[in-house]
Amino acid sequence: MARSAPLRNEPPAAGDTAPDFTLRTQHGETVRLAELRGERNTVLVFFPFAFTSVCTGELRALRDAQSRFVNDDVQLLAVSCDSMHALRVFSEQERIDYPLLSDFWPHGNVSRAYGVFDDEKGCAVRGTFVIDKNGVIRWVVVNDLPDARDLNDYVKALESL
């Protein structure tokens, strides 16, 4: 796991139970992680801010490879501390139809639970967690703000489940 950003907590490790959460999507729908248990593996992607170059590039790459990450076996969830309204405009502009979850209020609570909240910047860093159907984290990567992730790593992690 790569990490150099000033984080409040340590991220949960592979083998830990994923912290449960309930957040709203860009369309106001409620998503609860526990509801995916027993049903699908989850790729949980934290990103700093909508409308920024690295985040936009990463989320477009996921959009373009969406069939690998949103199907009967896998659910992709992307989380930022942006408001639901900002995420809606961003998703419409970028033609993203997978769930973008708002960790806006209480500000960054889910990002903190996953140890990826940067207190100095007020946002999540680039953390990704692959969670199996039993709710156990199987793979983790945490990158600093300017460092994009490679979605092929997510594919390999999913293939190993």
N, C-alpha and C. Protein backbone atom coordinates (compact mmCIF):
# COMPACT_ATOMS: atom_id res chain seq x y z
N MET A 1 0.85 -1.17 0.00
CA MET A 1 0.00 0.00 0.00
C MET A 1 0.89 1.24 0.00
N ALA A 2 0.73 2.09 -1.01
CA ALA A 2 1.48 3.34 -1.09
C ALA A 2 0.69 4.44 -0.39
N ARG A 3 1.39 5.25 0.42
CA ARG A 3 0.69 6.35 1.07
C ARG A 3 1.71 7.35 1.55
N SER A 4 1.42 8.63 1.26
CA SER A 4 2.29 9.66 1.80
C SER A 4 1.52 10.90 2.24
N ALA A 5 0.19 10.89 2.08
CA ALA A 5 -0.63 12.04 2.48
C ALA A 5 -0.82 12.03 3.99
N PRO A 6 -1.02 13.21 4.61
CA PRO A 6 -1.26 13.27 6.05
C PRO A 6 -2.68 12.82 6.38
N LEU A 7 -2.83 11.59 6.81
CA LEU A 7 -4.13 11.03 7.10
C LEU A 7 -4.39 11.04 8.59
N ARG A 8 -5.66 11.09 8.95
CA ARG A 8 -6.06 11.10 10.35
C ARG A 8 -5.91 9.71 10.97
N ASN A 9 -6.32 8.67 10.28
CA ASN A 9 -6.27 7.29 10.75
C ASN A 9 -5.53 6.44 9.74
N GLU A 10 -5.21 5.23 10.16
CA GLU A 10 -4.68 4.26 9.20
C GLU A 10 -5.86 3.61 8.48
N PRO A 11 -5.74 3.38 7.19
CA PRO A 11 -6.80 2.67 6.47
C PRO A 11 -6.93 1.24 6.97
N PRO A 12 -8.14 0.67 6.90
CA PRO A 12 -8.26 -0.74 7.21
C PRO A 12 -7.43 -1.55 6.23
N ALA A 13 -6.96 -2.70 6.65
CA ALA A 13 -6.08 -3.52 5.84
C ALA A 13 -6.84 -4.68 5.22
N ALA A 14 -6.21 -5.32 4.25
CA ALA A 14 -6.77 -6.54 3.68
C ALA A 14 -6.99 -7.53 4.81
N GLY A 15 -8.16 -8.14 4.83
CA GLY A 15 -8.54 -9.08 5.89
C GLY A 15 -9.46 -8.47 6.92
N ASP A 16 -9.51 -7.12 6.99
CA ASP A 16 -10.42 -6.44 7.91
C ASP A 16 -11.83 -6.39 7.34
N THR A 17 -12.81 -6.32 8.22
CA THR A 17 -14.19 -6.10 7.78
C THR A 17 -14.33 -4.65 7.35
N ALA A 18 -14.95 -4.44 6.20
CA ALA A 18 -15.14 -3.08 5.68
C ALA A 18 -16.11 -2.32 6.57
N PRO A 19 -15.76 -1.10 6.98
CA PRO A 19 -16.72 -0.29 7.75
C PRO A 19 -17.99 -0.05 6.94
N ASP A 20 -19.13 -0.27 7.57
CA ASP A 20 -20.40 -0.04 6.89
C ASP A 20 -20.65 1.46 6.79
N PHE A 21 -21.45 1.85 5.84
CA PHE A 21 -21.84 3.26 5.70
C PHE A 21 -23.14 3.35 4.93
N THR A 22 -23.76 4.49 5.06
CA THR A 22 -24.94 4.84 4.27
C THR A 22 -24.68 6.24 3.72
N LEU A 23 -24.70 6.37 2.39
CA LEU A 23 -24.49 7.66 1.73
C LEU A 23 -25.52 7.81 0.62
N ARG A 24 -25.64 9.03 0.12
CA ARG A 24 -26.54 9.33 -1.00
C ARG A 24 -25.75 9.46 -2.30
N THR A 25 -26.38 8.99 -3.37
CA THR A 25 -25.77 9.11 -4.70
C THR A 25 -25.97 10.51 -5.25
N GLN A 26 -25.43 10.73 -6.43
CA GLN A 26 -25.60 12.00 -7.14
C GLN A 26 -27.07 12.26 -7.47
N HIS A 27 -27.91 11.23 -7.39
CA HIS A 27 -29.34 11.38 -7.68
C HIS A 27 -30.19 11.32 -6.42
N GLY A 28 -29.56 11.34 -5.25
CA GLY A 28 -30.28 11.36 -3.99
C GLY A 28 -30.71 9.99 -3.49
N GLU A 29 -30.33 8.93 -4.19
CA GLU A 29 -30.67 7.58 -3.76
C GLU A 29 -29.74 7.15 -2.63
N THR A 30 -30.27 6.39 -1.69
CA THR A 30 -29.49 5.91 -0.56
C THR A 30 -28.77 4.61 -0.92
N VAL A 31 -27.49 4.54 -0.60
CA VAL A 31 -26.70 3.33 -0.78
C VAL A 31 -26.13 2.95 0.57
N ARG A 32 -26.34 1.70 0.96
CA ARG A 32 -25.76 1.18 2.19
C ARG A 32 -24.87 0.00 1.82
N LEU A 33 -23.62 0.07 2.23
CA LEU A 33 -22.66 -0.98 1.87
C LEU A 33 -23.15 -2.35 2.32
N ALA A 34 -23.73 -2.44 3.50
CA ALA A 34 -24.18 -3.73 4.02
C ALA A 34 -25.19 -4.41 3.11
N GLU A 35 -25.93 -3.64 2.33
CA GLU A 35 -26.92 -4.23 1.43
C GLU A 35 -26.29 -5.00 0.27
N LEU A 36 -25.00 -4.79 0.03
CA LEU A 36 -24.30 -5.53 -1.03
C LEU A 36 -23.74 -6.85 -0.53
N ARG A 37 -23.67 -7.02 0.79
CA ARG A 37 -23.11 -8.26 1.35
C ARG A 37 -23.94 -9.45 0.91
N GLY A 38 -23.23 -10.50 0.55
CA GLY A 38 -23.88 -11.71 0.08
C GLY A 38 -24.34 -11.62 -1.36
N GLU A 39 -24.25 -10.43 -1.95
CA GLU A 39 -24.75 -10.22 -3.32
C GLU A 39 -23.63 -9.97 -4.33
N ARG A 40 -22.79 -8.97 -4.03
CA ARG A 40 -21.75 -8.57 -4.99
C ARG A 40 -20.48 -8.15 -4.28
N ASN A 41 -19.37 -8.32 -4.98
CA ASN A 41 -18.11 -7.72 -4.56
C ASN A 41 -18.24 -6.22 -4.81
N THR A 42 -17.45 -5.43 -4.08
CA THR A 42 -17.54 -3.98 -4.22
C THR A 42 -16.15 -3.41 -4.48
N VAL A 43 -16.07 -2.51 -5.45
CA VAL A 43 -14.88 -1.69 -5.64
C VAL A 43 -15.24 -0.31 -5.13
N LEU A 44 -14.64 0.07 -4.00
CA LEU A 44 -14.93 1.34 -3.33
C LEU A 44 -13.77 2.28 -3.61
N VAL A 45 -14.05 3.34 -4.37
CA VAL A 45 -13.03 4.28 -4.84
C VAL A 45 -13.29 5.65 -4.22
N PHE A 46 -12.35 6.11 -3.40
CA PHE A 46 -12.43 7.47 -2.86
C PHE A 46 -11.63 8.39 -3.78
N PHE A 47 -12.20 9.57 -4.05
CA PHE A 47 -11.50 10.54 -4.89
C PHE A 47 -11.64 11.93 -4.28
N PRO A 48 -10.64 12.79 -4.47
CA PRO A 48 -10.64 14.11 -3.80
C PRO A 48 -11.79 15.03 -4.23
N PHE A 49 -11.85 15.40 -5.49
CA PHE A 49 -12.83 16.40 -5.93
C PHE A 49 -13.28 16.15 -7.36
N ALA A 50 -14.58 16.31 -7.59
CA ALA A 50 -15.09 16.32 -8.96
C ALA A 50 -14.52 17.54 -9.68
N PHE A 51 -14.47 17.48 -10.98
CA PHE A 51 -14.05 18.58 -11.85
C PHE A 51 -12.55 18.87 -11.78
N THR A 52 -11.75 17.98 -11.21
CA THR A 52 -10.30 18.17 -11.22
C THR A 52 -9.70 17.18 -12.21
N SER A 53 -8.54 17.50 -12.74
CA SER A 53 -8.01 16.75 -13.87
C SER A 53 -7.72 15.28 -13.57
N VAL A 54 -7.03 14.98 -12.49
CA VAL A 54 -6.68 13.59 -12.20
C VAL A 54 -7.94 12.79 -11.86
N CYS A 55 -8.81 13.36 -11.04
CA CYS A 55 -10.06 12.68 -10.68
C CYS A 55 -10.92 12.41 -11.91
N THR A 56 -11.05 13.42 -12.75
CA THR A 56 -11.85 13.26 -13.96
C THR A 56 -11.27 12.15 -14.83
N GLY A 57 -9.97 12.12 -14.98
CA GLY A 57 -9.33 11.07 -15.78
C GLY A 57 -9.58 9.68 -15.21
N GLU A 58 -9.44 9.55 -13.90
CA GLU A 58 -9.69 8.25 -13.26
C GLU A 58 -11.14 7.81 -13.41
N LEU A 59 -12.06 8.72 -13.17
CA LEU A 59 -13.48 8.36 -13.24
C LEU A 59 -13.93 8.11 -14.67
N ARG A 60 -13.34 8.79 -15.64
CA ARG A 60 -13.63 8.49 -17.05
C ARG A 60 -13.14 7.09 -17.41
N ALA A 61 -11.94 6.74 -16.94
CA ALA A 61 -11.39 5.40 -17.22
C ALA A 61 -12.31 4.33 -16.64
N LEU A 62 -12.83 4.55 -15.44
CA LEU A 62 -13.78 3.61 -14.85
C LEU A 62 -15.08 3.57 -15.65
N ARG A 63 -15.54 4.72 -16.11
CA ARG A 63 -16.74 4.78 -16.96
C ARG A 63 -16.54 3.96 -18.23
N ASP A 64 -15.37 4.13 -18.84
CA ASP A 64 -15.10 3.46 -20.10
C ASP A 64 -14.92 1.95 -19.95
N ALA A 65 -14.57 1.50 -18.74
CA ALA A 65 -14.41 0.07 -18.46
C ALA A 65 -15.50 -0.42 -17.52
N GLN A 66 -16.61 0.28 -17.52
CA GLN A 66 -17.67 0.05 -16.53
C GLN A 66 -18.17 -1.39 -16.50
N SER A 67 -18.21 -2.07 -17.62
CA SER A 67 -18.74 -3.44 -17.62
C SER A 67 -17.92 -4.37 -16.73
N ARG A 68 -16.67 -4.03 -16.47
CA ARG A 68 -15.83 -4.82 -15.56
C ARG A 68 -16.15 -4.54 -14.10
N PHE A 69 -16.75 -3.38 -13.82
CA PHE A 69 -16.92 -2.93 -12.45
C PHE A 69 -18.37 -2.77 -12.01
N VAL A 70 -19.29 -2.86 -12.93
CA VAL A 70 -20.72 -2.81 -12.59
C VAL A 70 -21.39 -3.93 -13.38
N ASN A 71 -21.64 -5.03 -12.69
CA ASN A 71 -22.26 -6.18 -13.32
C ASN A 71 -22.91 -7.03 -12.23
N ASP A 72 -23.31 -8.24 -12.56
CA ASP A 72 -24.01 -9.08 -11.59
C ASP A 72 -23.13 -9.48 -10.42
N ASP A 73 -21.81 -9.40 -10.59
CA ASP A 73 -20.88 -9.85 -9.56
C ASP A 73 -20.17 -8.71 -8.83
N VAL A 74 -20.15 -7.51 -9.43
CA VAL A 74 -19.36 -6.40 -8.88
C VAL A 74 -20.16 -5.11 -8.91
N GLN A 75 -20.00 -4.29 -7.85
CA GLN A 75 -20.59 -2.95 -7.81
C GLN A 75 -19.48 -1.93 -7.56
N LEU A 76 -19.37 -0.96 -8.42
CA LEU A 76 -18.44 0.14 -8.27
C LEU A 76 -19.15 1.27 -7.52
N LEU A 77 -18.49 1.79 -6.48
CA LEU A 77 -18.98 2.95 -5.74
C LEU A 77 -17.84 3.95 -5.64
N ALA A 78 -18.05 5.18 -6.09
CA ALA A 78 -17.03 6.22 -6.01
C ALA A 78 -17.50 7.27 -5.00
N VAL A 79 -16.62 7.64 -4.08
CA VAL A 79 -16.98 8.52 -2.96
C VAL A 79 -16.09 9.75 -2.93
N SER A 80 -16.70 10.91 -2.77
CA SER A 80 -15.94 12.15 -2.52
C SER A 80 -16.69 12.97 -1.49
N CYS A 81 -16.04 14.00 -1.01
CA CYS A 81 -16.66 14.90 -0.03
C CYS A 81 -17.41 16.04 -0.71
N ASP A 82 -17.56 15.96 -2.03
CA ASP A 82 -18.37 16.94 -2.76
C ASP A 82 -19.84 16.77 -2.39
N SER A 83 -20.62 17.82 -2.60
CA SER A 83 -22.06 17.72 -2.34
C SER A 83 -22.71 16.84 -3.41
N MET A 84 -23.87 16.31 -3.07
CA MET A 84 -24.64 15.50 -4.00
C MET A 84 -24.94 16.29 -5.27
N HIS A 85 -25.19 17.58 -5.12
CA HIS A 85 -25.55 18.43 -6.27
C HIS A 85 -24.36 18.62 -7.21
N ALA A 86 -23.19 18.84 -6.66
CA ALA A 86 -21.98 18.95 -7.49
C ALA A 86 -21.71 17.63 -8.20
N LEU A 87 -21.90 16.51 -7.50
CA LEU A 87 -21.68 15.21 -8.12
C LEU A 87 -22.68 14.94 -9.24
N ARG A 88 -23.91 15.43 -9.09
CA ARG A 88 -24.90 15.24 -10.15
C ARG A 88 -24.48 15.98 -11.42
N VAL A 89 -24.07 17.24 -11.28
CA VAL A 89 -23.63 18.01 -12.44
C VAL A 89 -22.41 17.35 -13.07
N PHE A 90 -21.46 16.93 -12.24
CA PHE A 90 -20.26 16.26 -12.75
C PHE A 90 -20.62 14.98 -13.50
N SER A 91 -21.51 14.17 -12.93
CA SER A 91 -21.86 12.90 -13.59
C SER A 91 -22.57 13.15 -14.91
N GLU A 92 -23.40 14.18 -14.97
CA GLU A 92 -24.07 14.50 -16.22
C GLU A 92 -23.07 14.99 -17.27
N GLN A 93 -22.16 15.85 -16.85
CA GLN A 93 -21.15 16.38 -17.77
C GLN A 93 -20.25 15.27 -18.32
N GLU A 94 -19.90 14.30 -17.46
CA GLU A 94 -18.96 13.24 -17.86
C GLU A 94 -19.65 11.95 -18.28
N ARG A 95 -21.00 11.96 -18.32
CA ARG A 95 -21.77 10.77 -18.70
C ARG A 95 -21.42 9.56 -17.81
N ILE A 96 -21.38 9.81 -16.52
CA ILE A 96 -21.10 8.76 -15.54
C ILE A 96 -22.43 8.32 -14.95
N ASP A 97 -22.72 7.02 -15.06
CA ASP A 97 -23.99 6.56 -14.49
C ASP A 97 -23.81 5.55 -13.35
N TYR A 98 -22.56 5.25 -12.98
CA TYR A 98 -22.38 4.45 -11.76
C TYR A 98 -22.49 5.39 -10.56
N PRO A 99 -22.75 4.86 -9.37
CA PRO A 99 -22.99 5.71 -8.21
C PRO A 99 -21.77 6.54 -7.78
N LEU A 100 -21.98 7.85 -7.71
CA LEU A 100 -21.03 8.77 -7.08
C LEU A 100 -21.66 9.14 -5.74
N LEU A 101 -20.99 8.81 -4.66
CA LEU A 101 -21.55 8.98 -3.32
C LEU A 101 -20.98 10.22 -2.66
N SER A 102 -21.87 10.98 -2.03
CA SER A 102 -21.48 12.22 -1.37
C SER A 102 -21.21 11.98 0.12
N ASP A 103 -19.97 12.23 0.52
CA ASP A 103 -19.54 12.17 1.92
C ASP A 103 -19.43 13.59 2.47
N PHE A 104 -20.37 14.44 2.01
CA PHE A 104 -20.31 15.87 2.30
C PHE A 104 -20.64 16.21 3.75
N TRP A 105 -21.71 15.57 4.28
CA TRP A 105 -22.10 15.92 5.65
C TRP A 105 -22.64 14.70 6.37
N PRO A 106 -22.22 14.44 7.59
CA PRO A 106 -21.10 15.11 8.27
C PRO A 106 -19.82 14.95 7.46
N HIS A 107 -19.15 16.06 7.28
CA HIS A 107 -18.07 16.17 6.31
C HIS A 107 -16.98 15.11 6.50
N GLY A 108 -16.88 14.22 5.52
CA GLY A 108 -15.79 13.25 5.48
C GLY A 108 -15.89 12.10 6.47
N ASN A 109 -17.04 11.86 7.07
CA ASN A 109 -17.14 10.79 8.06
C ASN A 109 -16.78 9.41 7.52
N VAL A 110 -17.25 9.09 6.32
CA VAL A 110 -16.94 7.79 5.74
C VAL A 110 -15.47 7.74 5.32
N SER A 111 -14.97 8.82 4.75
CA SER A 111 -13.55 8.89 4.39
C SER A 111 -12.68 8.69 5.62
N ARG A 112 -13.07 9.27 6.72
CA ARG A 112 -12.34 9.09 7.99
C ARG A 112 -12.39 7.64 8.44
N ALA A 113 -13.57 7.02 8.34
CA ALA A 113 -13.72 5.62 8.76
C ALA A 113 -12.80 4.70 7.96
N TYR A 114 -12.52 5.08 6.72
CA TYR A 114 -11.62 4.31 5.87
C TYR A 114 -10.18 4.82 5.92
N GLY A 115 -9.92 5.81 6.77
CA GLY A 115 -8.56 6.29 6.95
C GLY A 115 -7.98 7.02 5.76
N VAL A 116 -8.84 7.62 4.93
CA VAL A 116 -8.35 8.29 3.72
C VAL A 116 -8.72 9.77 3.69
N PHE A 117 -9.08 10.34 4.83
CA PHE A 117 -9.43 11.77 4.86
C PHE A 117 -8.19 12.58 5.18
N ASP A 118 -7.91 13.57 4.35
CA ASP A 118 -6.79 14.48 4.56
C ASP A 118 -7.34 15.71 5.28
N ASP A 119 -7.03 15.83 6.58
CA ASP A 119 -7.55 16.94 7.39
C ASP A 119 -7.09 18.30 6.88
N GLU A 120 -5.88 18.38 6.36
CA GLU A 120 -5.35 19.66 5.88
C GLU A 120 -6.08 20.16 4.64
N LYS A 121 -6.44 19.24 3.75
CA LYS A 121 -7.07 19.62 2.48
C LYS A 121 -8.60 19.54 2.56
N GLY A 122 -9.12 18.84 3.56
CA GLY A 122 -10.57 18.71 3.71
C GLY A 122 -11.22 17.80 2.70
N CYS A 123 -10.48 16.79 2.24
CA CYS A 123 -11.01 15.88 1.23
C CYS A 123 -10.41 14.49 1.42
N ALA A 124 -10.97 13.54 0.70
CA ALA A 124 -10.41 12.19 0.67
C ALA A 124 -9.19 12.18 -0.25
N VAL A 125 -8.22 11.35 0.09
CA VAL A 125 -7.13 11.07 -0.84
C VAL A 125 -7.59 9.91 -1.73
N ARG A 126 -6.73 9.48 -2.62
CA ARG A 126 -7.09 8.44 -3.58
C ARG A 126 -6.95 7.04 -2.97
N GLY A 127 -7.99 6.61 -2.29
CA GLY A 127 -8.00 5.28 -1.69
C GLY A 127 -8.96 4.37 -2.42
N THR A 128 -8.55 3.12 -2.63
CA THR A 128 -9.41 2.13 -3.26
C THR A 128 -9.40 0.87 -2.41
N PHE A 129 -10.59 0.32 -2.21
CA PHE A 129 -10.77 -0.89 -1.42
C PHE A 129 -11.60 -1.87 -2.23
N VAL A 130 -11.07 -3.07 -2.44
CA VAL A 130 -11.85 -4.14 -3.06
C VAL A 130 -12.38 -4.99 -1.92
N ILE A 131 -13.71 -5.09 -1.85
CA ILE A 131 -14.41 -5.73 -0.75
C ILE A 131 -15.16 -6.94 -1.30
N ASP A 132 -14.96 -8.10 -0.67
CA ASP A 132 -15.63 -9.30 -1.18
C ASP A 132 -17.09 -9.35 -0.75
N LYS A 133 -17.79 -10.36 -1.21
CA LYS A 133 -19.23 -10.49 -0.95
C LYS A 133 -19.55 -10.65 0.53
N ASN A 134 -18.56 -11.04 1.32
CA ASN A 134 -18.77 -11.21 2.76
C ASN A 134 -18.47 -9.93 3.54
N GLY A 135 -18.10 -8.86 2.83
CA GLY A 135 -17.80 -7.60 3.49
C GLY A 135 -16.39 -7.50 4.02
N VAL A 136 -15.50 -8.36 3.52
CA VAL A 136 -14.10 -8.36 3.95
C VAL A 136 -13.25 -7.64 2.89
N ILE A 137 -12.41 -6.74 3.34
CA ILE A 137 -11.51 -6.03 2.43
C ILE A 137 -10.44 -7.01 1.95
N ARG A 138 -10.28 -7.12 0.65
CA ARG A 138 -9.31 -8.06 0.07
C ARG A 138 -8.11 -7.37 -0.57
N TRP A 139 -8.24 -6.07 -0.87
CA TRP A 139 -7.14 -5.36 -1.54
C TRP A 139 -7.31 -3.88 -1.25
N VAL A 140 -6.19 -3.21 -1.00
CA VAL A 140 -6.20 -1.78 -0.67
C VAL A 140 -5.05 -1.09 -1.37
N VAL A 141 -5.32 0.12 -1.88
CA VAL A 141 -4.26 1.01 -2.32
C VAL A 141 -4.68 2.42 -1.92
N VAL A 142 -3.72 3.18 -1.40
CA VAL A 142 -3.97 4.58 -1.03
C VAL A 142 -2.85 5.40 -1.64
N ASN A 143 -3.22 6.33 -2.52
CA ASN A 143 -2.25 7.20 -3.18
C ASN A 143 -2.41 8.64 -2.70
N ASP A 144 -1.36 9.39 -2.81
CA ASP A 144 -1.39 10.81 -2.51
C ASP A 144 -2.26 11.52 -3.56
N LEU A 145 -2.64 12.74 -3.29
CA LEU A 145 -3.57 13.48 -4.17
C LEU A 145 -3.15 13.52 -5.64
N PRO A 146 -1.91 13.81 -5.99
CA PRO A 146 -1.60 13.93 -7.41
C PRO A 146 -1.36 12.60 -8.13
N ASP A 147 -1.36 11.50 -7.41
CA ASP A 147 -0.97 10.21 -7.99
C ASP A 147 -2.18 9.36 -8.39
N ALA A 148 -2.41 9.27 -9.70
CA ALA A 148 -3.53 8.48 -10.22
C ALA A 148 -3.30 7.00 -9.97
N ARG A 149 -4.41 6.28 -9.89
CA ARG A 149 -4.35 4.83 -9.71
C ARG A 149 -4.52 4.14 -11.05
N ASP A 150 -4.10 2.89 -11.13
CA ASP A 150 -4.21 2.09 -12.34
C ASP A 150 -5.39 1.14 -12.18
N LEU A 151 -6.43 1.31 -12.97
CA LEU A 151 -7.61 0.48 -12.82
C LEU A 151 -7.33 -0.98 -13.16
N ASN A 152 -6.25 -1.28 -13.87
CA ASN A 152 -5.90 -2.67 -14.12
C ASN A 152 -5.57 -3.39 -12.83
N ASP A 153 -5.09 -2.65 -11.82
CA ASP A 153 -4.86 -3.24 -10.51
C ASP A 153 -6.17 -3.69 -9.87
N TYR A 154 -7.24 -2.93 -10.09
CA TYR A 154 -8.55 -3.31 -9.56
C TYR A 154 -9.02 -4.61 -10.21
N VAL A 155 -8.81 -4.70 -11.54
CA VAL A 155 -9.22 -5.90 -12.27
C VAL A 155 -8.49 -7.12 -11.73
N LYS A 156 -7.19 -7.00 -11.52
CA LYS A 156 -6.41 -8.13 -10.97
C LYS A 156 -6.90 -8.51 -9.58
N ALA A 157 -7.21 -7.51 -8.75
CA ALA A 157 -7.70 -7.79 -7.40
C ALA A 157 -9.04 -8.52 -7.46
N LEU A 158 -9.92 -8.09 -8.35
CA LEU A 158 -11.22 -8.77 -8.49
C LEU A 158 -11.06 -10.19 -9.01
N GLU A 159 -10.14 -10.39 -9.94
CA GLU A 159 -9.92 -11.72 -10.48
C GLU A 159 -9.41 -12.69 -9.42
N SER A 160 -8.73 -12.16 -8.41
CA SER A 160 -8.18 -13.03 -7.36
C SER A 160 -9.23 -13.48 -6.34
N LEU A 161 -10.43 -12.90 -6.39
CA LEU A 161 -11.48 -13.27 -5.42
C LEU A 161 -12.08 -14.62 -5.76
